[in-house]
Structures are given as structure tokens and as C-alpha cells.
């Protein structure tokens, strides 16, 4: 993959994510006093600093990785086509349980997208970005990247589902969305 190609999908994902009400958050992820690696680690929840440094080396910006980390949560939340107040709170509680702090920009963005369904272009940009990025990572890096991004989405799906513990916590539509997102990591 060329650097130009990665920059194109990076910009496409950021443009698709930071539209409308979410545009005010872009400035929170640009500039600042933090190192780029630290911003990237904070935005993604990745703890392997070697992987974070590798992503920085590929030119991935913190604002893009925040979008990358949240799109699976958003897609799972809207898997059945709507979201009521109870479901919204379950999604946000699940996000908190996976480490997103309520005062963080990432959590605030997630809250916006639980009220406004994003355009289909968002998940398409996410899939394009993932496909381009994983081609530049080693197999181990790719699996860690996949695991971290998909783990949060699975946790959120589990938090919202199930009836009295008698049914699967993850609905059929959520499983379908998770499988579709996961396929994006195949090289």
C-alpha cells in the first residue's frame, strides 16, 4: 500500500466520522501537548506501545484512530435499525465498562451517535481504512489490533442484549454486524 493510499482512506474515515454534531470534537484530537503516540494510545485503548508506535509510523492520526475505535460500537448499537433510551444507556454503560470515560471526547462522540444514526458512508470508510491498514501490519499486530477494536464492540453488544439471562446476550442482527466488521481485518 502506498502512503498516498493510506492518507486517502485516513482522510475518508475522519471526514465521514466528524460530520454534523461531531465536527466540534475534531479540534480536541488535533494538536495538543501530548505526544502523538500517547494520543493514539489514549484514543484507541491500545496498550502495546510498539503497536502504537507502528501505527504512528504509518501516519495514523489520533483523530482517525478514535473514529476507528468507535465505529464498531456505533454499528452494533444501530444493528436493529433503531435505538431507544434503555438501549442507549446499555450501550453507554457497556462502553464505560470497556474503559471509555464519560468525560472523554471518545465517549462524548459515542453519545452523539447513539442519538443520530450515522450515514452508511461511515462504516464503508471504516472498512476501507481497516483493509488498507492491516495490510501494513504483521500478523501479530493485525490480530492485536483486531482483538482490541472488536472486543469493545462485542462487550457493548453483550451489555444491551439478553432477556433475563435466558437468551443470547448478542442478538442475531448484532452478530451479523460484528461478523461483517470482523471480515474487514482479513488481508
N, C-alpha and C. Protein backbone atom coordinates (compact mmCIF):
# COMPACT_ATOMS: atom_id res chain seq x y z
N UNK A 1 0.85 -1.17 0.00
CA UNK A 1 0.00 0.00 0.00
C UNK A 1 0.89 1.23 0.00
N UNK A 2 0.52 2.22 -0.76
CA UNK A 2 1.29 3.45 -0.81
C UNK A 2 0.89 4.38 0.33
N UNK A 3 1.80 5.29 0.67
CA UNK A 3 1.48 6.27 1.71
C UNK A 3 0.29 7.12 1.27
N UNK A 4 0.22 7.43 -0.02
CA UNK A 4 -0.91 8.21 -0.54
C UNK A 4 -2.23 7.48 -0.32
N UNK A 5 -2.24 6.17 -0.56
CA UNK A 5 -3.46 5.38 -0.38
C UNK A 5 -3.90 5.40 1.08
N UNK A 6 -2.96 5.22 2.01
CA UNK A 6 -3.31 5.26 3.43
C UNK A 6 -3.81 6.64 3.84
N UNK A 7 -3.18 7.68 3.33
CA UNK A 7 -3.63 9.04 3.65
C UNK A 7 -5.04 9.28 3.12
N UNK A 8 -5.35 8.72 1.96
CA UNK A 8 -6.68 8.89 1.37
C UNK A 8 -7.75 8.23 2.23
N UNK A 9 -7.51 6.97 2.66
CA UNK A 9 -8.51 6.30 3.49
C UNK A 9 -8.55 6.88 4.89
N UNK A 10 -7.41 7.39 5.38
CA UNK A 10 -7.37 8.07 6.68
C UNK A 10 -8.28 9.30 6.63
N UNK A 11 -8.13 10.10 5.61
CA UNK A 11 -8.94 11.31 5.46
C UNK A 11 -10.41 10.94 5.26
N UNK A 12 -10.68 9.89 4.48
CA UNK A 12 -12.07 9.47 4.24
C UNK A 12 -12.77 9.05 5.52
N UNK A 13 -12.08 8.31 6.39
CA UNK A 13 -12.68 7.89 7.64
C UNK A 13 -12.91 9.09 8.55
N UNK A 14 -11.93 9.96 8.67
CA UNK A 14 -12.09 11.15 9.52
C UNK A 14 -13.22 12.04 9.01
N UNK A 15 -13.28 12.25 7.69
CA UNK A 15 -14.35 13.09 7.13
C UNK A 15 -15.73 12.49 7.39
N UNK A 16 -15.84 11.18 7.24
CA UNK A 16 -17.14 10.52 7.45
C UNK A 16 -17.55 10.57 8.92
N UNK A 17 -16.59 10.46 9.81
CA UNK A 17 -16.89 10.41 11.24
C UNK A 17 -17.20 11.77 11.83
N UNK A 18 -16.39 12.76 11.50
CA UNK A 18 -16.52 14.08 12.12
C UNK A 18 -17.41 15.00 11.30
N UNK A 19 -18.66 14.56 11.06
CA UNK A 19 -19.66 15.36 10.35
C UNK A 19 -20.69 15.87 11.34
N UNK A 20 -21.41 16.87 10.95
CA UNK A 20 -22.54 17.36 11.75
C UNK A 20 -22.15 17.70 13.17
N UNK A 21 -22.92 17.18 14.12
CA UNK A 21 -22.71 17.49 15.53
C UNK A 21 -21.34 17.02 16.02
N UNK A 22 -20.76 16.03 15.38
CA UNK A 22 -19.47 15.50 15.82
C UNK A 22 -18.30 16.37 15.38
N UNK A 23 -18.51 17.32 14.48
CA UNK A 23 -17.39 18.11 13.95
C UNK A 23 -16.69 18.92 15.02
N UNK A 24 -17.40 19.32 16.07
CA UNK A 24 -16.78 20.13 17.13
C UNK A 24 -15.71 19.35 17.89
N UNK A 25 -15.73 18.03 17.82
CA UNK A 25 -14.78 17.23 18.56
C UNK A 25 -13.44 17.07 17.85
N UNK A 26 -13.40 17.34 16.56
CA UNK A 26 -12.16 17.14 15.82
C UNK A 26 -11.02 17.95 16.40
N UNK A 27 -11.28 19.19 16.81
CA UNK A 27 -10.23 20.03 17.38
C UNK A 27 -9.64 19.43 18.65
N UNK A 28 -10.42 18.67 19.39
CA UNK A 28 -9.92 18.05 20.62
C UNK A 28 -8.83 17.03 20.33
N UNK A 29 -8.83 16.48 19.11
CA UNK A 29 -7.88 15.45 18.77
C UNK A 29 -6.71 15.97 17.93
N UNK A 30 -6.72 17.22 17.59
CA UNK A 30 -5.65 17.78 16.77
C UNK A 30 -4.79 18.68 17.62
N UNK A 31 -3.51 18.62 17.41
CA UNK A 31 -2.60 19.45 18.19
C UNK A 31 -2.51 18.94 19.61
N UNK A 32 -2.34 19.86 20.54
CA UNK A 32 -2.28 19.47 21.94
C UNK A 32 -0.85 19.31 22.41
N UNK A 33 -0.72 19.06 23.71
CA UNK A 33 0.60 18.95 24.32
C UNK A 33 1.09 17.52 24.41
N UNK A 34 0.30 16.55 24.00
CA UNK A 34 0.66 15.16 24.16
C UNK A 34 1.43 14.67 22.95
N UNK A 35 2.27 13.66 23.18
CA UNK A 35 2.97 13.05 22.05
C UNK A 35 1.94 12.34 21.18
N UNK A 36 2.28 12.19 19.93
CA UNK A 36 1.35 11.54 19.00
C UNK A 36 1.09 10.09 19.43
N UNK A 37 2.13 9.40 19.90
CA UNK A 37 1.95 8.02 20.35
C UNK A 37 1.00 7.95 21.54
N UNK A 38 1.15 8.88 22.48
CA UNK A 38 0.29 8.88 23.66
C UNK A 38 -1.15 9.17 23.25
N UNK A 39 -1.35 10.13 22.36
CA UNK A 39 -2.70 10.45 21.89
C UNK A 39 -3.33 9.24 21.21
N UNK A 40 -2.52 8.54 20.41
CA UNK A 40 -3.02 7.37 19.70
C UNK A 40 -3.40 6.26 20.68
N UNK A 41 -2.57 6.04 21.69
CA UNK A 41 -2.87 5.02 22.70
C UNK A 41 -4.15 5.37 23.45
N UNK A 42 -4.30 6.62 23.83
CA UNK A 42 -5.48 7.06 24.56
C UNK A 42 -6.74 6.93 23.69
N UNK A 43 -6.63 7.30 22.44
CA UNK A 43 -7.79 7.27 21.54
C UNK A 43 -8.26 5.85 21.26
N UNK A 44 -7.34 4.91 21.22
CA UNK A 44 -7.67 3.55 20.81
C UNK A 44 -7.87 2.58 21.95
N UNK A 45 -7.27 2.88 23.09
CA UNK A 45 -7.28 1.91 24.18
C UNK A 45 -6.21 0.85 24.01
N UNK A 46 -5.37 0.98 22.99
CA UNK A 46 -4.27 0.03 22.79
C UNK A 46 -3.21 0.27 23.86
N UNK A 47 -2.69 -0.80 24.43
CA UNK A 47 -1.67 -0.66 25.47
C UNK A 47 -0.29 -1.10 25.01
N UNK A 48 -0.21 -1.77 23.88
CA UNK A 48 1.08 -2.20 23.34
C UNK A 48 1.73 -1.01 22.63
N UNK A 49 2.73 -0.43 23.29
CA UNK A 49 3.34 0.79 22.74
C UNK A 49 4.07 0.54 21.43
N UNK A 50 4.57 -0.67 21.21
CA UNK A 50 5.20 -0.97 19.92
C UNK A 50 4.17 -0.90 18.79
N UNK A 51 2.99 -1.45 19.03
CA UNK A 51 1.93 -1.37 18.02
C UNK A 51 1.50 0.07 17.81
N UNK A 52 1.37 0.82 18.89
CA UNK A 52 1.00 2.23 18.79
C UNK A 52 2.05 2.99 17.97
N UNK A 53 3.33 2.76 18.26
CA UNK A 53 4.39 3.42 17.50
C UNK A 53 4.35 3.02 16.03
N UNK A 54 4.01 1.76 15.76
CA UNK A 54 3.90 1.29 14.38
C UNK A 54 2.77 2.03 13.65
N UNK A 55 1.65 2.22 14.32
CA UNK A 55 0.53 2.94 13.72
C UNK A 55 0.89 4.40 13.48
N UNK A 56 1.61 5.01 14.43
CA UNK A 56 2.09 6.39 14.24
C UNK A 56 3.00 6.43 13.02
N UNK A 57 3.88 5.44 12.91
CA UNK A 57 4.79 5.37 11.76
C UNK A 57 4.06 5.25 10.44
N UNK A 58 2.88 4.68 10.46
CA UNK A 58 2.07 4.57 9.25
C UNK A 58 1.31 5.85 8.94
N UNK A 59 1.42 6.83 9.85
CA UNK A 59 0.76 8.12 9.62
C UNK A 59 -0.66 8.20 10.13
N UNK A 60 -1.06 7.26 10.97
CA UNK A 60 -2.42 7.28 11.51
C UNK A 60 -2.49 8.30 12.63
N UNK A 61 -3.46 9.19 12.52
CA UNK A 61 -3.61 10.28 13.49
C UNK A 61 -4.55 9.87 14.62
N UNK A 62 -4.39 10.48 15.80
CA UNK A 62 -5.29 10.16 16.92
C UNK A 62 -6.76 10.36 16.57
N UNK A 63 -7.09 11.41 15.84
CA UNK A 63 -8.50 11.64 15.50
C UNK A 63 -9.04 10.50 14.65
N UNK A 64 -8.23 9.96 13.77
CA UNK A 64 -8.66 8.85 12.93
C UNK A 64 -8.82 7.58 13.76
N UNK A 65 -7.88 7.33 14.67
CA UNK A 65 -7.98 6.12 15.47
C UNK A 65 -9.17 6.17 16.42
N UNK A 66 -9.52 7.35 16.89
CA UNK A 66 -10.72 7.46 17.71
C UNK A 66 -11.93 7.03 16.90
N UNK A 67 -12.02 7.53 15.67
CA UNK A 67 -13.12 7.12 14.79
C UNK A 67 -13.06 5.61 14.56
N UNK A 68 -11.87 5.10 14.34
CA UNK A 68 -11.68 3.68 14.08
C UNK A 68 -12.16 2.84 15.26
N UNK A 69 -11.89 3.29 16.47
CA UNK A 69 -12.28 2.54 17.66
C UNK A 69 -13.78 2.60 17.93
N UNK A 70 -14.44 3.69 17.55
CA UNK A 70 -15.85 3.87 17.88
C UNK A 70 -16.82 3.36 16.83
N UNK A 71 -16.42 3.28 15.59
CA UNK A 71 -17.34 2.85 14.54
C UNK A 71 -17.94 1.47 14.84
N UNK A 72 -17.16 0.47 15.27
CA UNK A 72 -17.80 -0.81 15.60
C UNK A 72 -18.86 -0.69 16.69
N UNK A 73 -18.62 0.15 17.70
CA UNK A 73 -19.61 0.34 18.75
C UNK A 73 -20.89 0.94 18.18
N UNK A 74 -20.72 1.92 17.32
CA UNK A 74 -21.86 2.60 16.71
C UNK A 74 -22.66 1.63 15.85
N UNK A 75 -21.97 0.86 15.03
CA UNK A 75 -22.66 -0.08 14.15
C UNK A 75 -23.43 -1.13 14.93
N UNK A 76 -22.83 -1.64 16.00
CA UNK A 76 -23.52 -2.63 16.82
C UNK A 76 -24.75 -2.00 17.48
N UNK A 77 -24.59 -0.77 17.95
CA UNK A 77 -25.70 -0.09 18.62
C UNK A 77 -26.91 0.09 17.70
N UNK A 78 -26.66 0.31 16.41
CA UNK A 78 -27.74 0.53 15.45
C UNK A 78 -28.08 -0.73 14.66
N UNK A 79 -27.61 -1.89 15.08
CA UNK A 79 -27.76 -3.12 14.30
C UNK A 79 -29.21 -3.44 13.94
N UNK A 80 -30.13 -3.13 14.84
CA UNK A 80 -31.54 -3.44 14.56
C UNK A 80 -32.30 -2.28 13.94
N UNK A 81 -31.60 -1.19 13.62
CA UNK A 81 -32.21 -0.07 12.92
C UNK A 81 -32.76 1.04 13.78
N UNK A 82 -32.81 0.86 15.08
CA UNK A 82 -33.28 1.93 15.97
C UNK A 82 -32.62 1.76 17.35
N UNK A 83 -32.77 2.80 18.15
CA UNK A 83 -32.22 2.74 19.50
C UNK A 83 -33.13 3.52 20.44
N UNK A 84 -33.65 2.83 21.45
CA UNK A 84 -34.49 3.52 22.43
C UNK A 84 -33.62 3.94 23.62
N UNK A 85 -34.23 4.66 24.57
CA UNK A 85 -33.47 5.21 25.70
C UNK A 85 -32.82 4.11 26.54
N UNK A 86 -33.52 3.02 26.76
CA UNK A 86 -32.96 1.92 27.56
C UNK A 86 -31.76 1.30 26.85
N UNK A 87 -31.89 1.10 25.56
CA UNK A 87 -30.79 0.53 24.78
C UNK A 87 -29.61 1.49 24.74
N UNK A 88 -29.88 2.77 24.57
CA UNK A 88 -28.83 3.79 24.54
C UNK A 88 -28.01 3.73 25.84
N UNK A 89 -28.70 3.67 26.97
CA UNK A 89 -27.99 3.62 28.25
C UNK A 89 -27.19 2.33 28.39
N UNK A 90 -27.74 1.23 27.90
CA UNK A 90 -27.00 -0.03 27.95
C UNK A 90 -25.72 0.06 27.11
N UNK A 91 -25.81 0.70 25.95
CA UNK A 91 -24.64 0.86 25.10
C UNK A 91 -23.60 1.73 25.79
N UNK A 92 -24.03 2.85 26.36
CA UNK A 92 -23.10 3.75 27.04
C UNK A 92 -22.51 3.09 28.29
N UNK A 93 -23.32 2.33 29.02
CA UNK A 93 -22.81 1.61 30.19
C UNK A 93 -21.79 0.56 29.75
N UNK A 94 -22.06 -0.11 28.65
CA UNK A 94 -21.11 -1.08 28.12
C UNK A 94 -19.81 -0.42 27.70
N UNK A 95 -19.92 0.75 27.10
CA UNK A 95 -18.72 1.49 26.70
C UNK A 95 -17.91 1.89 27.93
N UNK A 96 -18.59 2.34 28.98
CA UNK A 96 -17.88 2.68 30.23
C UNK A 96 -17.20 1.44 30.81
N UNK A 97 -17.88 0.30 30.75
CA UNK A 97 -17.33 -0.94 31.29
C UNK A 97 -16.09 -1.39 30.52
N UNK A 98 -15.97 -0.98 29.27
CA UNK A 98 -14.80 -1.36 28.48
C UNK A 98 -13.68 -0.33 28.58
N UNK A 99 -13.88 0.71 29.40
CA UNK A 99 -12.79 1.65 29.64
C UNK A 99 -12.99 3.05 29.10
N UNK A 100 -14.08 3.33 28.40
CA UNK A 100 -14.30 4.69 27.93
C UNK A 100 -14.82 5.54 29.09
N UNK A 101 -14.12 6.61 29.39
CA UNK A 101 -14.50 7.51 30.48
C UNK A 101 -15.57 8.49 30.00
N UNK A 102 -16.62 8.74 30.80
CA UNK A 102 -17.71 9.63 30.37
C UNK A 102 -17.27 11.03 29.98
N UNK A 103 -16.19 11.53 30.55
CA UNK A 103 -15.73 12.88 30.20
C UNK A 103 -14.80 12.90 28.99
N UNK A 104 -14.45 11.74 28.47
CA UNK A 104 -13.52 11.69 27.33
C UNK A 104 -14.22 12.11 26.04
N UNK A 105 -13.47 12.70 25.12
CA UNK A 105 -14.06 13.04 23.82
C UNK A 105 -14.64 11.82 23.10
N UNK A 106 -13.99 10.67 23.23
CA UNK A 106 -14.49 9.46 22.57
C UNK A 106 -15.87 9.09 23.08
N UNK A 107 -16.08 9.16 24.37
CA UNK A 107 -17.38 8.83 24.96
C UNK A 107 -18.43 9.84 24.53
N UNK A 108 -18.06 11.11 24.51
CA UNK A 108 -19.00 12.15 24.10
C UNK A 108 -19.42 11.96 22.64
N UNK A 109 -18.46 11.56 21.80
CA UNK A 109 -18.81 11.27 20.40
C UNK A 109 -19.75 10.07 20.32
N UNK A 110 -19.47 9.05 21.09
CA UNK A 110 -20.33 7.88 21.09
C UNK A 110 -21.75 8.27 21.50
N UNK A 111 -21.88 9.15 22.46
CA UNK A 111 -23.19 9.61 22.92
C UNK A 111 -23.96 10.29 21.77
N UNK A 112 -23.25 11.09 20.96
CA UNK A 112 -23.89 11.72 19.80
C UNK A 112 -24.43 10.66 18.85
N UNK A 113 -23.61 9.67 18.56
CA UNK A 113 -24.01 8.66 17.59
C UNK A 113 -25.06 7.69 18.14
N UNK A 114 -25.32 7.70 19.43
CA UNK A 114 -26.44 6.90 19.94
C UNK A 114 -27.76 7.64 19.78
N UNK A 115 -27.68 8.90 19.42
CA UNK A 115 -28.89 9.69 19.18
C UNK A 115 -29.12 9.93 17.68
N UNK A 116 -28.05 10.01 16.93
CA UNK A 116 -28.12 10.26 15.48
C UNK A 116 -27.46 9.11 14.75
N UNK A 117 -28.21 8.40 13.95
CA UNK A 117 -27.62 7.30 13.21
C UNK A 117 -26.72 7.87 12.11
N UNK A 118 -25.47 7.44 12.09
CA UNK A 118 -24.57 7.95 11.06
C UNK A 118 -24.92 7.40 9.68
N UNK A 119 -24.46 8.10 8.68
CA UNK A 119 -24.68 7.67 7.30
C UNK A 119 -23.91 6.37 7.04
N UNK A 120 -24.40 5.54 6.11
CA UNK A 120 -23.69 4.30 5.76
C UNK A 120 -22.25 4.54 5.31
N UNK A 121 -21.96 5.74 4.82
CA UNK A 121 -20.60 6.04 4.38
C UNK A 121 -19.59 5.90 5.52
N UNK A 122 -20.04 6.05 6.76
CA UNK A 122 -19.13 5.94 7.89
C UNK A 122 -18.56 4.52 8.00
N UNK A 123 -19.40 3.51 7.98
CA UNK A 123 -18.90 2.14 8.10
C UNK A 123 -18.12 1.75 6.85
N UNK A 124 -18.51 2.26 5.69
CA UNK A 124 -17.76 1.98 4.47
C UNK A 124 -16.35 2.57 4.56
N UNK A 125 -16.24 3.79 5.05
CA UNK A 125 -14.92 4.41 5.23
C UNK A 125 -14.11 3.63 6.26
N UNK A 126 -14.76 3.17 7.32
CA UNK A 126 -14.09 2.38 8.35
C UNK A 126 -13.53 1.09 7.74
N UNK A 127 -14.35 0.39 6.96
CA UNK A 127 -13.91 -0.86 6.34
C UNK A 127 -12.75 -0.63 5.39
N UNK A 128 -12.81 0.43 4.58
CA UNK A 128 -11.71 0.76 3.68
C UNK A 128 -10.43 1.02 4.46
N UNK A 129 -10.55 1.78 5.53
CA UNK A 129 -9.39 2.12 6.34
C UNK A 129 -8.78 0.86 6.97
N UNK A 130 -9.60 0.01 7.53
CA UNK A 130 -9.10 -1.21 8.16
C UNK A 130 -8.39 -2.08 7.13
N UNK A 131 -9.00 -2.27 5.98
CA UNK A 131 -8.38 -3.12 4.94
C UNK A 131 -7.02 -2.58 4.52
N UNK A 132 -6.91 -1.27 4.36
CA UNK A 132 -5.63 -0.68 3.98
C UNK A 132 -4.60 -0.80 5.10
N UNK A 133 -5.01 -0.56 6.32
CA UNK A 133 -4.09 -0.55 7.45
C UNK A 133 -3.56 -1.94 7.78
N UNK A 134 -4.43 -2.95 7.82
CA UNK A 134 -3.98 -4.28 8.24
C UNK A 134 -2.97 -4.87 7.26
N UNK A 135 -3.01 -4.43 6.03
CA UNK A 135 -2.02 -4.90 5.07
C UNK A 135 -0.61 -4.46 5.39
N UNK A 136 -0.47 -3.45 6.22
CA UNK A 136 0.83 -2.92 6.61
C UNK A 136 1.32 -3.47 7.95
N UNK A 137 0.51 -4.27 8.61
CA UNK A 137 0.86 -4.79 9.93
C UNK A 137 1.29 -6.24 9.84
N UNK A 138 2.13 -6.66 10.79
CA UNK A 138 2.48 -8.08 10.89
C UNK A 138 1.24 -8.85 11.34
N UNK A 139 1.29 -10.17 11.23
CA UNK A 139 0.14 -10.97 11.64
C UNK A 139 -0.19 -10.75 13.12
N UNK A 140 0.82 -10.70 13.97
CA UNK A 140 0.60 -10.47 15.39
C UNK A 140 0.00 -9.10 15.67
N UNK A 141 0.52 -8.08 14.99
CA UNK A 141 -0.02 -6.73 15.16
C UNK A 141 -1.46 -6.65 14.68
N UNK A 142 -1.72 -7.30 13.55
CA UNK A 142 -3.07 -7.31 12.98
C UNK A 142 -4.06 -7.96 13.95
N UNK A 143 -3.67 -9.09 14.54
CA UNK A 143 -4.56 -9.79 15.46
C UNK A 143 -4.80 -8.98 16.73
N UNK A 144 -3.77 -8.30 17.23
CA UNK A 144 -3.95 -7.47 18.42
C UNK A 144 -4.87 -6.28 18.10
N UNK A 145 -4.65 -5.67 16.97
CA UNK A 145 -5.46 -4.55 16.52
C UNK A 145 -6.92 -4.98 16.38
N UNK A 146 -7.13 -6.11 15.72
CA UNK A 146 -8.48 -6.66 15.54
C UNK A 146 -9.12 -6.97 16.90
N UNK A 147 -8.39 -7.64 17.75
CA UNK A 147 -8.94 -8.05 19.05
C UNK A 147 -9.38 -6.84 19.86
N UNK A 148 -8.56 -5.81 19.90
CA UNK A 148 -8.88 -4.64 20.72
C UNK A 148 -10.11 -3.91 20.18
N UNK A 149 -10.16 -3.71 18.88
CA UNK A 149 -11.29 -2.99 18.30
C UNK A 149 -12.59 -3.80 18.40
N UNK A 150 -12.52 -5.08 18.14
CA UNK A 150 -13.72 -5.90 18.14
C UNK A 150 -14.17 -6.26 19.56
N UNK A 151 -13.24 -6.31 20.50
CA UNK A 151 -13.59 -6.63 21.89
C UNK A 151 -14.58 -5.61 22.46
N UNK A 152 -14.30 -4.35 22.24
CA UNK A 152 -15.21 -3.32 22.74
C UNK A 152 -16.59 -3.45 22.12
N UNK A 153 -16.65 -3.69 20.83
CA UNK A 153 -17.94 -3.82 20.15
C UNK A 153 -18.71 -5.03 20.68
N UNK A 154 -18.02 -6.12 20.90
CA UNK A 154 -18.66 -7.32 21.44
C UNK A 154 -19.16 -7.07 22.86
N UNK A 155 -18.37 -6.37 23.66
CA UNK A 155 -18.80 -6.04 25.02
C UNK A 155 -20.04 -5.16 25.02
N UNK A 156 -20.09 -4.20 24.11
CA UNK A 156 -21.26 -3.33 24.02
C UNK A 156 -22.48 -4.13 23.58
N UNK A 157 -22.31 -5.02 22.60
CA UNK A 157 -23.43 -5.86 22.15
C UNK A 157 -23.93 -6.73 23.30
N UNK A 158 -23.04 -7.28 24.08
CA UNK A 158 -23.42 -8.12 25.22
C UNK A 158 -24.15 -7.32 26.29
N UNK A 159 -23.75 -6.08 26.48
CA UNK A 159 -24.35 -5.24 27.52
C UNK A 159 -25.80 -4.92 27.22
N UNK A 160 -26.16 -4.86 25.96
CA UNK A 160 -27.52 -4.45 25.58
C UNK A 160 -28.48 -5.61 25.41
N UNK A 161 -27.99 -6.84 25.34
CA UNK A 161 -28.85 -7.93 24.94
C UNK A 161 -29.25 -8.89 26.04
N UNK A 162 -30.00 -9.91 25.64
CA UNK A 162 -30.43 -10.96 26.55
C UNK A 162 -31.72 -10.62 27.28
N UNK A 163 -32.50 -11.62 27.54
CA UNK A 163 -33.75 -11.45 28.29
C UNK A 163 -33.66 -12.34 29.53
N UNK A 164 -33.53 -11.72 30.70
CA UNK A 164 -33.47 -12.44 31.97
C UNK A 164 -32.42 -13.54 31.98
N UNK A 165 -31.37 -13.37 31.19
CA UNK A 165 -30.31 -14.36 31.14
C UNK A 165 -30.70 -15.64 30.42
N UNK A 166 -31.87 -15.66 29.78
CA UNK A 166 -32.35 -16.87 29.13
C UNK A 166 -31.99 -16.95 27.65
N UNK A 167 -31.67 -15.83 27.06
CA UNK A 167 -31.33 -15.82 25.64
C UNK A 167 -29.92 -15.30 25.47
N UNK A 168 -29.40 -15.46 24.28
CA UNK A 168 -28.07 -14.95 23.98
C UNK A 168 -28.03 -13.45 24.23
N UNK A 169 -26.95 -12.99 24.81
CA UNK A 169 -26.82 -11.56 25.07
C UNK A 169 -26.60 -10.77 23.79
N UNK A 170 -26.18 -11.44 22.75
CA UNK A 170 -25.92 -10.76 21.48
C UNK A 170 -26.99 -11.20 20.48
N UNK A 171 -27.73 -10.23 19.97
CA UNK A 171 -28.82 -10.54 19.04
C UNK A 171 -28.28 -11.01 17.70
N UNK A 172 -29.15 -11.59 16.91
CA UNK A 172 -28.77 -12.06 15.57
C UNK A 172 -28.26 -10.90 14.71
N UNK A 173 -28.96 -9.75 14.77
CA UNK A 173 -28.53 -8.61 13.96
C UNK A 173 -27.18 -8.08 14.44
N UNK A 174 -26.95 -8.10 15.75
CA UNK A 174 -25.64 -7.66 16.27
C UNK A 174 -24.54 -8.63 15.86
N UNK A 175 -24.81 -9.93 15.90
CA UNK A 175 -23.81 -10.92 15.46
C UNK A 175 -23.48 -10.72 13.99
N UNK A 176 -24.51 -10.42 13.18
CA UNK A 176 -24.28 -10.18 11.75
C UNK A 176 -23.36 -8.98 11.55
N UNK A 177 -23.64 -7.89 12.27
CA UNK A 177 -22.82 -6.68 12.16
C UNK A 177 -21.40 -6.96 12.64
N UNK A 178 -21.25 -7.65 13.76
CA UNK A 178 -19.91 -7.98 14.26
C UNK A 178 -19.13 -8.81 13.25
N UNK A 179 -19.78 -9.80 12.63
CA UNK A 179 -19.11 -10.64 11.64
C UNK A 179 -18.69 -9.82 10.42
N UNK A 180 -19.57 -8.93 9.98
CA UNK A 180 -19.25 -8.08 8.83
C UNK A 180 -18.05 -7.17 9.13
N UNK A 181 -18.05 -6.57 10.31
CA UNK A 181 -16.93 -5.72 10.70
C UNK A 181 -15.64 -6.53 10.82
N UNK A 182 -15.74 -7.71 11.41
CA UNK A 182 -14.56 -8.55 11.62
C UNK A 182 -13.93 -8.98 10.30
N UNK A 183 -14.74 -9.20 9.28
CA UNK A 183 -14.21 -9.59 7.96
C UNK A 183 -13.29 -8.52 7.37
N UNK A 184 -13.45 -7.29 7.81
CA UNK A 184 -12.61 -6.21 7.29
C UNK A 184 -11.14 -6.40 7.65
N UNK A 185 -10.86 -7.20 8.67
CA UNK A 185 -9.48 -7.41 9.12
C UNK A 185 -8.77 -8.50 8.34
N UNK A 186 -9.47 -9.20 7.47
CA UNK A 186 -8.85 -10.25 6.68
C UNK A 186 -8.04 -9.62 5.56
N UNK A 187 -6.83 -10.10 5.42
CA UNK A 187 -5.96 -9.50 4.39
C UNK A 187 -5.98 -10.30 3.11
